[in-house]
């Protein structure tokens, strides 16, 4: 991540043919989701942040129809219009989702979801389209003939999506989808961070199969950026005392090495050669440049040793599945 500038290096995203920067700007905060992020994001601020993402050195932006019930896509669409279109080579990803009211996730819902997403974004195709949080529905239902996965594959065949992926948190369920061989990319969140390394087997499997790997929520919802004293929640829920103690110890180790905790949290992911891109959420335009700066800082090897030793003491039973 050294010298990350407007000519920043890209990495191949598996076998998709897409090339992506080591960082992706996460669009969840743009949808103004105070239940997750603790505050409202006014529309103009969200649009300005998306515009900064489109014009900055990070050449990828991730969103979903579920973020703010489509509001993130709406604001990104407005930014794309102001920018004069999606920049060449820019990797924009969105996700098809279940019905946010009824929970239904079938083929017709998948078609409605992508149609509404494209309308909000003002586009007729996207470089990358994910199946979002399939662990919340039955595997057989999602995989049924004519179901969401069939629709995703059809959308790729038609060119509506250049590549397709599966995005979710529950490692065991996402691994089932990866093993089908139907997907080009896997996105894991909150499970490959300084304190939670439970997605290790999933990442290894995906990399061995040639899938692109994208890692999200490396701050665990904010606690690995601000520290345990500022935020007692991990993955959007109250963190157990053992986890808070581990984060405290990591923050102290980072302080001793004169490295911000947030820089270590980002680079834990970006330094992993199996991970094509790491998603960092942004709620203000300046966050784009700040993320790049954190990803570019020097981190001594001794700090990684210290952080690994602390992580090894965390009981996996205290972590999200």
C-alpha atoms as a PDB file:
ATOM      1  CA  UNK A   1       0.000   0.000   0.000  1.00  0.00           C
ATOM      2  CA  UNK A   2       2.999   2.318  -0.183  1.00  0.00           C
ATOM      3  CA  UNK A   3       2.663   5.352  -2.492  1.00  0.00           C
ATOM      4  CA  UNK A   4      -1.057   4.776  -2.921  1.00  0.00           C
ATOM      5  CA  UNK A   5      -1.950   7.548  -5.356  1.00  0.00           C
ATOM      6  CA  UNK A   6      -4.050   8.106  -8.459  1.00  0.00           C
ATOM      7  CA  UNK A   7      -1.879   5.585 -10.281  1.00  0.00           C
ATOM      8  CA  UNK A   8      -2.221   3.115  -7.417  1.00  0.00           C
ATOM      9  CA  UNK A   9      -1.632  -0.554  -8.191  1.00  0.00           C
ATOM     10  CA  UNK A  10      -4.564  -2.865  -8.626  1.00  0.00           C
ATOM     11  CA  UNK A  11      -4.945  -6.550  -7.917  1.00  0.00           C
ATOM     12  CA  UNK A  12      -6.745  -9.172  -9.990  1.00  0.00           C
ATOM     13  CA  UNK A  13     -10.130 -10.027  -8.514  1.00  0.00           C
ATOM     14  CA  UNK A  14      -9.840 -13.783  -8.797  1.00  0.00           C
ATOM     15  CA  UNK A  15     -10.523 -14.968 -12.332  1.00  0.00           C
ATOM     16  CA  UNK A  16     -13.165 -12.301 -13.058  1.00  0.00           C
ATOM     17  CA  UNK A  17     -10.946 -10.241 -15.346  1.00  0.00           C
ATOM     18  CA  UNK A  18     -11.610  -7.257 -13.094  1.00  0.00           C
ATOM     19  CA  UNK A  19      -8.738  -5.447 -11.406  1.00  0.00           C
ATOM     20  CA  UNK A  20      -9.418  -3.730  -8.118  1.00  0.00           C
ATOM     21  CA  UNK A  21      -7.548  -1.420  -5.755  1.00  0.00           C
ATOM     22  CA  UNK A  22      -6.496  -2.878  -2.378  1.00  0.00           C
ATOM     23  CA  UNK A  23      -9.134  -0.652  -0.766  1.00  0.00           C
ATOM     24  CA  UNK A  24     -12.826  -0.380  -1.601  1.00  0.00           C
ATOM     25  CA  UNK A  25     -14.983   2.375  -0.150  1.00  0.00           C
ATOM     26  CA  UNK A  26     -17.951   0.906   1.709  1.00  0.00           C
ATOM     27  CA  UNK A  27     -21.300   2.521   0.987  1.00  0.00           C
ATOM     28  CA  UNK A  28     -23.294   1.262   3.967  1.00  0.00           C
ATOM     29  CA  UNK A  29     -22.849   4.517   5.971  1.00  0.00           C
ATOM     30  CA  UNK A  30     -23.999   6.508   2.929  1.00  0.00           C
ATOM     31  CA  UNK A  31     -27.471   5.047   3.382  1.00  0.00           C
ATOM     32  CA  UNK A  32     -27.776   6.713   6.797  1.00  0.00           C
ATOM     33  CA  UNK A  33     -28.182   3.691   9.084  1.00  0.00           C
ATOM     34  CA  UNK A  34     -28.072   5.114  12.620  1.00  0.00           C
ATOM     35  CA  UNK A  35     -28.971   1.749  14.150  1.00  0.00           C
ATOM     36  CA  UNK A  36     -25.663   0.382  12.869  1.00  0.00           C
ATOM     37  CA  UNK A  37     -23.422   3.436  12.799  1.00  0.00           C
ATOM     38  CA  UNK A  38     -24.872   5.643  15.519  1.00  0.00           C
ATOM     39  CA  UNK A  39     -25.789   8.729  13.498  1.00  0.00           C
ATOM     40  CA  UNK A  40     -27.763  10.048  10.545  1.00  0.00           C
ATOM     41  CA  UNK A  41     -25.952  11.015   7.349  1.00  0.00           C
ATOM     42  CA  UNK A  42     -27.719  13.892   5.522  1.00  0.00           C
ATOM     43  CA  UNK A  43     -28.355  13.295   1.799  1.00  0.00           C
ATOM     44  CA  UNK A  44     -25.928  15.935   0.511  1.00  0.00           C
ATOM     45  CA  UNK A  45     -23.149  14.647   2.756  1.00  0.00           C
ATOM     46  CA  UNK A  46     -23.744  11.124   1.498  1.00  0.00           C
ATOM     47  CA  UNK A  47     -23.663  12.258  -2.136  1.00  0.00           C
ATOM     48  CA  UNK A  48     -20.501  14.312  -1.547  1.00  0.00           C
ATOM     49  CA  UNK A  49     -18.821  11.287   0.042  1.00  0.00           C
ATOM     50  CA  UNK A  50     -19.772   9.050  -2.884  1.00  0.00           C
ATOM     51  CA  UNK A  51     -18.456  11.697  -5.291  1.00  0.00           C
ATOM     52  CA  UNK A  52     -15.151  11.793  -3.382  1.00  0.00           C
ATOM     53  CA  UNK A  53     -14.973   8.016  -3.727  1.00  0.00           C
ATOM     54  CA  UNK A  54     -15.598   8.192  -7.476  1.00  0.00           C
ATOM     55  CA  UNK A  55     -12.925  10.849  -7.968  1.00  0.00           C
ATOM     56  CA  UNK A  56     -10.282   9.595  -5.537  1.00  0.00           C
ATOM     57  CA  UNK A  57      -7.431   7.081  -5.650  1.00  0.00           C
ATOM     58  CA  UNK A  58      -9.595   4.188  -4.444  1.00  0.00           C
ATOM     59  CA  UNK A  59     -11.194   2.778  -7.587  1.00  0.00           C
ATOM     60  CA  UNK A  60     -13.928   0.663  -6.047  1.00  0.00           C
ATOM     61  CA  UNK A  61     -17.191   1.351  -4.215  1.00  0.00           C
ATOM     62  CA  UNK A  62     -19.480  -1.213  -2.603  1.00  0.00           C
ATOM     63  CA  UNK A  63     -23.178  -0.830  -1.781  1.00  0.00           C
ATOM     64  CA  UNK A  64     -26.386  -2.848  -1.474  1.00  0.00           C
ATOM     65  CA  UNK A  65     -30.116  -2.529  -1.971  1.00  0.00           C
ATOM     66  CA  UNK A  66     -30.376  -3.178   1.785  1.00  0.00           C
ATOM     67  CA  UNK A  67     -28.321  -0.170   2.905  1.00  0.00           C
ATOM     68  CA  UNK A  68     -30.811   2.384   4.110  1.00  0.00           C
ATOM     69  CA  UNK A  69     -33.548   0.559   2.133  1.00  0.00           C
ATOM     70  CA  UNK A  70     -31.909   1.676  -1.113  1.00  0.00           C
ATOM     71  CA  UNK A  71     -30.829   5.127   0.070  1.00  0.00           C
ATOM     72  CA  UNK A  72     -27.123   4.316  -0.312  1.00  0.00           C
ATOM     73  CA  UNK A  73     -27.677   3.356  -3.956  1.00  0.00           C
ATOM     74  CA  UNK A  74     -29.813   6.453  -4.498  1.00  0.00           C
ATOM     75  CA  UNK A  75     -27.041   8.746  -3.254  1.00  0.00           C
ATOM     76  CA  UNK A  76     -24.372   6.901  -5.208  1.00  0.00           C
ATOM     77  CA  UNK A  77     -26.548   7.217  -8.308  1.00  0.00           C
ATOM     78  CA  UNK A  78     -26.751  10.963  -7.794  1.00  0.00           C
ATOM     79  CA  UNK A  79     -22.950  11.092  -7.426  1.00  0.00           C
ATOM     80  CA  UNK A  80     -22.465   9.038 -10.606  1.00  0.00           C
ATOM     81  CA  UNK A  81     -24.672  11.495 -12.468  1.00  0.00           C
ATOM     82  CA  UNK A  82     -22.697  14.481 -11.143  1.00  0.00           C
ATOM     83  CA  UNK A  83     -19.447  12.743 -12.100  1.00  0.00           C
ATOM     84  CA  UNK A  84     -20.671  12.310 -15.661  1.00  0.00           C
ATOM     85  CA  UNK A  85     -20.938   8.550 -15.372  1.00  0.00           C
ATOM     86  CA  UNK A  86     -19.077   5.674 -13.760  1.00  0.00           C
ATOM     87  CA  UNK A  87     -15.323   6.168 -14.356  1.00  0.00           C
ATOM     88  CA  UNK A  88     -13.592   3.696 -16.669  1.00  0.00           C
ATOM     89  CA  UNK A  89     -12.194   0.726 -14.786  1.00  0.00           C
ATOM     90  CA  UNK A  90     -14.068   1.619 -11.609  1.00  0.00           C
ATOM     91  CA  UNK A  91     -15.390  -1.462  -9.767  1.00  0.00           C
ATOM     92  CA  UNK A  92     -18.862  -0.689  -8.453  1.00  0.00           C
ATOM     93  CA  UNK A  93     -20.566  -3.533  -6.608  1.00  0.00           C
ATOM     94  CA  UNK A  94     -24.082  -3.857  -5.301  1.00  0.00           C
ATOM     95  CA  UNK A  95     -26.142  -6.732  -3.930  1.00  0.00           C
ATOM     96  CA  UNK A  96     -29.506  -8.356  -4.508  1.00  0.00           C
ATOM     97  CA  UNK A  97     -31.459  -8.770  -1.290  1.00  0.00           C
ATOM     98  CA  UNK A  98     -34.508 -10.428   0.206  1.00  0.00           C
ATOM     99  CA  UNK A  99     -37.725  -8.428   0.503  1.00  0.00           C
ATOM    100  CA  UNK A 100     -36.895  -6.150   3.432  1.00  0.00           C
ATOM    101  CA  UNK A 101     -40.442  -6.346   4.807  1.00  0.00           C
ATOM    102  CA  UNK A 102     -41.561  -9.942   4.277  1.00  0.00           C
ATOM    103  CA  UNK A 103     -38.140 -11.613   4.210  1.00  0.00           C
ATOM    104  CA  UNK A 104     -39.034 -13.408   0.969  1.00  0.00           C
ATOM    105  CA  UNK A 105     -36.030 -14.256  -1.194  1.00  0.00           C
ATOM    106  CA  UNK A 106     -36.991 -16.042  -4.397  1.00  0.00           C
ATOM    107  CA  UNK A 107     -36.386 -15.551  -8.112  1.00  0.00           C
ATOM    108  CA  UNK A 108     -38.982 -12.818  -8.652  1.00  0.00           C
ATOM    109  CA  UNK A 109     -37.646 -10.921  -5.636  1.00  0.00           C
ATOM    110  CA  UNK A 110     -34.095 -11.190  -7.010  1.00  0.00           C
ATOM    111  CA  UNK A 111     -35.271  -9.697 -10.316  1.00  0.00           C
ATOM    112  CA  UNK A 112     -37.107  -6.866  -8.547  1.00  0.00           C
ATOM    113  CA  UNK A 113     -34.064  -6.177  -6.404  1.00  0.00           C
ATOM    114  CA  UNK A 114     -31.618  -5.745  -9.289  1.00  0.00           C
ATOM    115  CA  UNK A 115     -34.126  -3.756 -11.364  1.00  0.00           C
ATOM    116  CA  UNK A 116     -34.636  -1.310  -8.492  1.00  0.00           C
ATOM    117  CA  UNK A 117     -30.883  -1.118  -7.836  1.00  0.00           C
ATOM    118  CA  UNK A 118     -30.092  -0.251 -11.451  1.00  0.00           C
ATOM    119  CA  UNK A 119     -32.830   2.389 -11.455  1.00  0.00           C
ATOM    120  CA  UNK A 120     -31.448   4.018  -8.306  1.00  0.00           C
ATOM    121  CA  UNK A 121     -27.869   3.868  -9.601  1.00  0.00           C
ATOM    122  CA  UNK A 122     -28.840   5.144 -13.043  1.00  0.00           C
ATOM    123  CA  UNK A 123     -26.986   2.273 -14.729  1.00  0.00           C
ATOM    124  CA  UNK A 124     -27.861  -0.639 -16.968  1.00  0.00           C
ATOM    125  CA  UNK A 125     -25.132  -2.941 -15.657  1.00  0.00           C
ATOM    126  CA  UNK A 126     -22.690  -3.284 -12.764  1.00  0.00           C
ATOM    127  CA  UNK A 127     -19.204  -4.778 -12.686  1.00  0.00           C
ATOM    128  CA  UNK A 128     -19.959  -6.933  -9.631  1.00  0.00           C
ATOM    129  CA  UNK A 129     -23.251  -8.184  -8.191  1.00  0.00           C
ATOM    130  CA  UNK A 130     -23.516 -10.130  -4.942  1.00  0.00           C
ATOM    131  CA  UNK A 131     -26.083 -12.372  -3.313  1.00  0.00           C
ATOM    132  CA  UNK A 132     -26.489 -10.576   0.025  1.00  0.00           C
ATOM    133  CA  UNK A 133     -26.686 -12.320   3.430  1.00  0.00           C
ATOM    134  CA  UNK A 134     -28.143 -15.611   2.158  1.00  0.00           C
ATOM    135  CA  UNK A 135     -27.659 -17.098   5.626  1.00  0.00           C
ATOM    136  CA  UNK A 136     -30.918 -15.394   6.620  1.00  0.00           C
ATOM    137  CA  UNK A 137     -32.895 -17.682   4.291  1.00  0.00           C
ATOM    138  CA  UNK A 138     -32.952 -21.419   3.608  1.00  0.00           C
ATOM    139  CA  UNK A 139     -30.058 -22.717   1.482  1.00  0.00           C
ATOM    140  CA  UNK A 140     -32.275 -25.008  -0.590  1.00  0.00           C
ATOM    141  CA  UNK A 141     -34.682 -22.135  -1.289  1.00  0.00           C
ATOM    142  CA  UNK A 142     -31.892 -19.836  -2.458  1.00  0.00           C
ATOM    143  CA  UNK A 143     -30.392 -22.596  -4.629  1.00  0.00           C
ATOM    144  CA  UNK A 144     -33.739 -23.829  -6.049  1.00  0.00           C
ATOM    145  CA  UNK A 145     -34.328 -23.881  -9.800  1.00  0.00           C
ATOM    146  CA  UNK A 146     -35.395 -20.369 -10.812  1.00  0.00           C
ATOM    147  CA  UNK A 147     -34.281 -19.004  -7.431  1.00  0.00           C
ATOM    148  CA  UNK A 148     -31.906 -16.153  -6.598  1.00  0.00           C
ATOM    149  CA  UNK A 149     -28.708 -17.981  -7.556  1.00  0.00           C
ATOM    150  CA  UNK A 150     -30.165 -18.991 -10.914  1.00  0.00           C
ATOM    151  CA  UNK A 151     -31.184 -15.368 -11.471  1.00  0.00           C
ATOM    152  CA  UNK A 152     -27.684 -14.148 -10.578  1.00  0.00           C
ATOM    153  CA  UNK A 153     -26.104 -16.550 -13.062  1.00  0.00           C
ATOM    154  CA  UNK A 154     -28.548 -15.434 -15.743  1.00  0.00           C
ATOM    155  CA  UNK A 155     -27.726 -11.778 -15.056  1.00  0.00           C
ATOM    156  CA  UNK A 156     -24.037 -12.542 -15.534  1.00  0.00           C
ATOM    157  CA  UNK A 157     -24.768 -14.410 -18.775  1.00  0.00           C
ATOM    158  CA  UNK A 158     -26.765 -11.421 -20.048  1.00  0.00           C
ATOM    159  CA  UNK A 159     -24.056  -8.934 -19.114  1.00  0.00           C
ATOM    160  CA  UNK A 160     -26.138  -7.132 -16.488  1.00  0.00           C
ATOM    161  CA  UNK A 161     -23.379  -8.112 -14.067  1.00  0.00           C
ATOM    162  CA  UNK A 162     -19.866  -8.792 -15.278  1.00  0.00           C
ATOM    163  CA  UNK A 163     -19.179 -10.999 -12.255  1.00  0.00           C
ATOM    164  CA  UNK A 164     -21.219 -12.436  -9.391  1.00  0.00           C
ATOM    165  CA  UNK A 165     -20.412 -13.098  -5.772  1.00  0.00           C
ATOM    166  CA  UNK A 166     -21.795 -14.163  -2.435  1.00  0.00           C
ATOM    167  CA  UNK A 167     -21.571 -11.786   0.533  1.00  0.00           C
ATOM    168  CA  UNK A 168     -22.341 -12.650   4.131  1.00  0.00           C
ATOM    169  CA  UNK A 169     -21.135 -13.109   7.653  1.00  0.00           C
ATOM    170  CA  UNK A 170     -21.947 -16.620   8.847  1.00  0.00           C
ATOM    171  CA  UNK A 171     -18.817 -18.480   7.755  1.00  0.00           C
ATOM    172  CA  UNK A 172     -20.199 -22.033   7.571  1.00  0.00           C
ATOM    173  CA  UNK A 173     -23.165 -21.010   5.411  1.00  0.00           C
ATOM    174  CA  UNK A 174     -21.116 -18.832   3.061  1.00  0.00           C
ATOM    175  CA  UNK A 175     -18.705 -21.729   2.642  1.00  0.00           C
ATOM    176  CA  UNK A 176     -21.607 -23.888   1.368  1.00  0.00           C
ATOM    177  CA  UNK A 177     -22.279 -21.330  -1.334  1.00  0.00           C
ATOM    178  CA  UNK A 178     -18.606 -21.077  -2.283  1.00  0.00           C
ATOM    179  CA  UNK A 179     -18.422 -24.868  -2.665  1.00  0.00           C
ATOM    180  CA  UNK A 180     -21.189 -24.800  -5.309  1.00  0.00           C
ATOM    181  CA  UNK A 181     -18.659 -23.365  -7.755  1.00  0.00           C
ATOM    182  CA  UNK A 182     -21.249 -20.889  -9.059  1.00  0.00           C
ATOM    183  CA  UNK A 183     -19.629 -17.697  -7.762  1.00  0.00           C
ATOM    184  CA  UNK A 184     -16.695 -15.579  -8.913  1.00  0.00           C
ATOM    185  CA  UNK A 185     -16.132 -13.646  -5.683  1.00  0.00           C
ATOM    186  CA  UNK A 186     -16.746 -14.076  -1.956  1.00  0.00           C
ATOM    187  CA  UNK A 187     -17.186 -11.192   0.500  1.00  0.00           C
ATOM    188  CA  UNK A 188     -16.802 -11.882   4.215  1.00  0.00           C
ATOM    189  CA  UNK A 189     -17.409  -9.319   6.956  1.00  0.00           C
ATOM    190  CA  UNK A 190     -16.480  -8.970  10.633  1.00  0.00           C
ATOM    191  CA  UNK A 191     -14.829 -12.429  10.601  1.00  0.00           C
ATOM    192  CA  UNK A 192     -11.296 -11.566   9.413  1.00  0.00           C
ATOM    193  CA  UNK A 193     -10.140  -8.803  11.712  1.00  0.00           C
ATOM    194  CA  UNK A 194      -7.455  -8.243  14.325  1.00  0.00           C
ATOM    195  CA  UNK A 195      -9.597 -10.009  16.945  1.00  0.00           C
ATOM    196  CA  UNK A 196     -11.795 -12.358  14.906  1.00  0.00           C
ATOM    197  CA  UNK A 197     -10.004 -14.688  12.525  1.00  0.00           C
ATOM    198  CA  UNK A 198     -12.787 -17.223  12.097  1.00  0.00           C
ATOM    199  CA  UNK A 199     -13.046 -16.654   8.318  1.00  0.00           C
ATOM    200  CA  UNK A 200      -9.550 -18.081   7.794  1.00  0.00           C
ATOM    201  CA  UNK A 201     -10.755 -21.457   6.426  1.00  0.00           C
ATOM    202  CA  UNK A 202     -13.306 -19.726   4.158  1.00  0.00           C
ATOM    203  CA  UNK A 203     -10.665 -17.403   2.722  1.00  0.00           C
ATOM    204  CA  UNK A 204      -8.286 -20.322   2.176  1.00  0.00           C
ATOM    205  CA  UNK A 205     -10.996 -22.328   0.406  1.00  0.00           C
ATOM    206  CA  UNK A 206     -12.040 -19.435  -1.835  1.00  0.00           C
ATOM    207  CA  UNK A 207      -8.448 -18.623  -2.758  1.00  0.00           C
ATOM    208  CA  UNK A 208      -7.743 -22.290  -3.577  1.00  0.00           C
ATOM    209  CA  UNK A 209     -10.765 -22.316  -5.906  1.00  0.00           C
ATOM    210  CA  UNK A 210      -9.615 -19.166  -7.703  1.00  0.00           C
ATOM    211  CA  UNK A 211     -12.358 -16.891  -6.354  1.00  0.00           C
ATOM    212  CA  UNK A 212     -11.715 -13.236  -5.691  1.00  0.00           C
ATOM    213  CA  UNK A 213     -11.780 -12.514  -1.954  1.00  0.00           C
ATOM    214  CA  UNK A 214     -13.101  -9.236  -0.533  1.00  0.00           C
ATOM    215  CA  UNK A 215     -12.960  -8.514   3.201  1.00  0.00           C
ATOM    216  CA  UNK A 216     -15.274  -6.021   4.907  1.00  0.00           C
ATOM    217  CA  UNK A 217     -15.868  -4.510   8.348  1.00  0.00           C
ATOM    218  CA  UNK A 218     -12.238  -4.727   9.482  1.00  0.00           C
ATOM    219  CA  UNK A 219     -13.105  -2.181  12.193  1.00  0.00           C
ATOM    220  CA  UNK A 220     -15.766  -4.521  13.596  1.00  0.00           C
ATOM    221  CA  UNK A 221     -18.338  -1.750  13.345  1.00  0.00           C
ATOM    222  CA  UNK A 222     -15.955   0.947  14.634  1.00  0.00           C
ATOM    223  CA  UNK A 223     -14.363  -0.458  17.778  1.00  0.00           C
ATOM    224  CA  UNK A 224     -11.093  -1.340  16.002  1.00  0.00           C
ATOM    225  CA  UNK A 225     -10.833   2.223  14.760  1.00  0.00           C
ATOM    226  CA  UNK A 226     -11.848   4.164  17.870  1.00  0.00           C
ATOM    227  CA  UNK A 227     -10.823   1.702  20.592  1.00  0.00           C
ATOM    228  CA  UNK A 228     -12.797  -0.114  23.282  1.00  0.00           C
ATOM    229  CA  UNK A 229     -13.151   2.975  25.473  1.00  0.00           C
ATOM    230  CA  UNK A 230     -14.965   4.838  22.698  1.00  0.00           C
ATOM    231  CA  UNK A 231     -17.117   1.996  21.393  1.00  0.00           C
ATOM    232  CA  UNK A 232     -18.183  -1.071  23.423  1.00  0.00           C
ATOM    233  CA  UNK A 233     -19.796  -2.862  20.450  1.00  0.00           C
ATOM    234  CA  UNK A 234     -18.298  -5.345  18.019  1.00  0.00           C
ATOM    235  CA  UNK A 235     -20.181  -6.314  14.842  1.00  0.00           C
ATOM    236  CA  UNK A 236     -23.051  -4.005  15.859  1.00  0.00           C
ATOM    237  CA  UNK A 237     -23.714  -5.632  19.232  1.00  0.00           C
ATOM    238  CA  UNK A 238     -22.330  -5.450  22.748  1.00  0.00           C
ATOM    239  CA  UNK A 239     -18.863  -6.976  22.885  1.00  0.00           C
ATOM    240  CA  UNK A 240     -18.116  -9.443  25.696  1.00  0.00           C
ATOM    241  CA  UNK A 241     -15.626  -8.369  28.358  1.00  0.00           C
ATOM    242  CA  UNK A 242     -12.947 -10.756  27.071  1.00  0.00           C
ATOM    243  CA  UNK A 243     -13.108  -9.212  23.615  1.00  0.00           C
ATOM    244  CA  UNK A 244     -12.985  -5.680  25.023  1.00  0.00           C
ATOM    245  CA  UNK A 245      -9.913  -6.622  27.063  1.00  0.00           C
ATOM    246  CA  UNK A 246      -8.199  -7.995  23.954  1.00  0.00           C
ATOM    247  CA  UNK A 247      -8.933  -4.809  22.018  1.00  0.00           C
ATOM    248  CA  UNK A 248      -7.597  -2.737  24.918  1.00  0.00           C
ATOM    249  CA  UNK A 249      -4.389  -4.785  24.812  1.00  0.00           C
ATOM    250  CA  UNK A 250      -4.115  -4.340  21.049  1.00  0.00           C
ATOM    251  CA  UNK A 251      -4.604  -0.603  21.374  1.00  0.00           C
ATOM    252  CA  UNK A 252      -1.799  -0.498  23.947  1.00  0.00           C
ATOM    253  CA  UNK A 253       0.500  -2.536  21.706  1.00  0.00           C
ATOM    254  CA  UNK A 254      -0.205  -0.184  18.800  1.00  0.00           C
ATOM    255  CA  UNK A 255       0.500   2.819  21.016  1.00  0.00           C
ATOM    256  CA  UNK A 256       3.833   1.302  22.045  1.00  0.00           C
ATOM    257  CA  UNK A 257       4.774   0.915  18.374  1.00  0.00           C
ATOM    258  CA  UNK A 258       3.430   4.387  17.486  1.00  0.00           C
ATOM    259  CA  UNK A 259       0.918   2.935  15.022  1.00  0.00           C
ATOM    260  CA  UNK A 260      -2.790   3.894  15.081  1.00  0.00           C
ATOM    261  CA  UNK A 261      -5.048   0.962  15.901  1.00  0.00           C
ATOM    262  CA  UNK A 262      -7.061   1.774  12.765  1.00  0.00           C
ATOM    263  CA  UNK A 263      -3.957   1.433  10.563  1.00  0.00           C
ATOM    264  CA  UNK A 264      -3.236  -2.008  11.990  1.00  0.00           C
ATOM    265  CA  UNK A 265      -6.886  -3.010  11.536  1.00  0.00           C
ATOM    266  CA  UNK A 266      -6.837  -2.064   7.847  1.00  0.00           C
ATOM    267  CA  UNK A 267      -3.424  -3.494   7.072  1.00  0.00           C
ATOM    268  CA  UNK A 268      -4.158  -6.807   8.795  1.00  0.00           C
ATOM    269  CA  UNK A 269      -6.412  -7.346   5.780  1.00  0.00           C
ATOM    270  CA  UNK A 270      -4.582  -5.485   2.992  1.00  0.00           C
ATOM    271  CA  UNK A 271      -1.281  -7.274   3.711  1.00  0.00           C
ATOM    272  CA  UNK A 272      -2.927 -10.677   3.147  1.00  0.00           C
ATOM    273  CA  UNK A 273      -2.084 -11.737  -0.439  1.00  0.00           C
ATOM    274  CA  UNK A 274      -5.281 -13.807  -0.654  1.00  0.00           C
ATOM    275  CA  UNK A 275      -7.481 -10.727  -0.217  1.00  0.00           C
ATOM    276  CA  UNK A 276      -7.990  -8.675  -3.369  1.00  0.00           C
ATOM    277  CA  UNK A 277      -9.673  -5.706  -1.683  1.00  0.00           C
ATOM    278  CA  UNK A 278     -10.616  -4.512   1.789  1.00  0.00           C
ATOM    279  CA  UNK A 279     -13.820  -2.518   2.268  1.00  0.00           C
ATOM    280  CA  UNK A 280     -13.621   0.582   4.467  1.00  0.00           C
ATOM    281  CA  UNK A 281     -16.881   2.412   5.187  1.00  0.00           C
ATOM    282  CA  UNK A 282     -16.957   6.175   4.688  1.00  0.00           C
ATOM    283  CA  UNK A 283     -19.473   8.733   5.918  1.00  0.00           C
ATOM    284  CA  UNK A 284     -17.640  11.960   4.994  1.00  0.00           C
ATOM    285  CA  UNK A 285     -15.533  12.907   1.940  1.00  0.00           C
ATOM    286  CA  UNK A 286     -12.314  13.229   3.935  1.00  0.00           C
ATOM    287  CA  UNK A 287     -12.631   9.617   5.105  1.00  0.00           C
ATOM    288  CA  UNK A 288     -11.482   8.441   1.676  1.00  0.00           C
ATOM    289  CA  UNK A 289      -8.087  10.114   1.990  1.00  0.00           C
ATOM    290  CA  UNK A 290      -7.809   9.116   5.641  1.00  0.00           C
ATOM    291  CA  UNK A 291      -8.328   5.452   4.754  1.00  0.00           C
ATOM    292  CA  UNK A 292      -5.588   5.642   2.125  1.00  0.00           C
ATOM    293  CA  UNK A 293      -3.222   7.282   4.630  1.00  0.00           C
ATOM    294  CA  UNK A 294      -3.875   4.589   7.238  1.00  0.00           C
ATOM    295  CA  UNK A 295      -3.359   1.853   4.670  1.00  0.00           C
ATOM    296  CA  UNK A 296      -0.024   3.397   3.651  1.00  0.00           C
ATOM    297  CA  UNK A 297       1.585   3.738   7.095  1.00  0.00           C
ATOM    298  CA  UNK A 298       4.627   1.686   8.011  1.00  0.00           C
ATOM    299  CA  UNK A 299       3.820  -1.098  10.493  1.00  0.00           C
ATOM    300  CA  UNK A 300       6.737  -3.024  12.062  1.00  0.00           C
ATOM    301  CA  UNK A 301       6.722  -6.824  11.958  1.00  0.00           C
ATOM    302  CA  UNK A 302       7.070  -6.943  15.731  1.00  0.00           C
ATOM    303  CA  UNK A 303       3.639  -5.344  16.092  1.00  0.00           C
ATOM    304  CA  UNK A 304       2.056  -8.089  13.991  1.00  0.00           C
ATOM    305  CA  UNK A 305       3.660 -10.636  16.300  1.00  0.00           C
ATOM    306  CA  UNK A 306       2.247  -8.883  19.367  1.00  0.00           C
ATOM    307  CA  UNK A 307      -1.232  -8.562  17.871  1.00  0.00           C
ATOM    308  CA  UNK A 308      -1.254 -12.211  16.823  1.00  0.00           C
ATOM    309  CA  UNK A 309      -0.384 -13.309  20.344  1.00  0.00           C
ATOM    310  CA  UNK A 310      -3.249 -11.233  21.773  1.00  0.00           C
ATOM    311  CA  UNK A 311      -5.710 -12.587  19.202  1.00  0.00           C
ATOM    312  CA  UNK A 312      -4.727 -16.153  20.073  1.00  0.00           C
ATOM    313  CA  UNK A 313      -5.981 -15.584  23.619  1.00  0.00           C
ATOM    314  CA  UNK A 314      -9.534 -14.712  22.485  1.00  0.00           C
ATOM    315  CA  UNK A 315     -12.009 -17.534  23.065  1.00  0.00           C
ATOM    316  CA  UNK A 316     -13.709 -18.273  19.700  1.00  0.00           C
ATOM    317  CA  UNK A 317     -16.974 -18.884  21.582  1.00  0.00           C
ATOM    318  CA  UNK A 318     -17.166 -15.156  22.326  1.00  0.00           C
ATOM    319  CA  UNK A 319     -17.124 -14.251  18.628  1.00  0.00           C
ATOM    320  CA  UNK A 320     -19.946 -14.096  16.057  1.00  0.00           C
ATOM    321  CA  UNK A 321     -20.425 -17.370  14.165  1.00  0.00           C
END
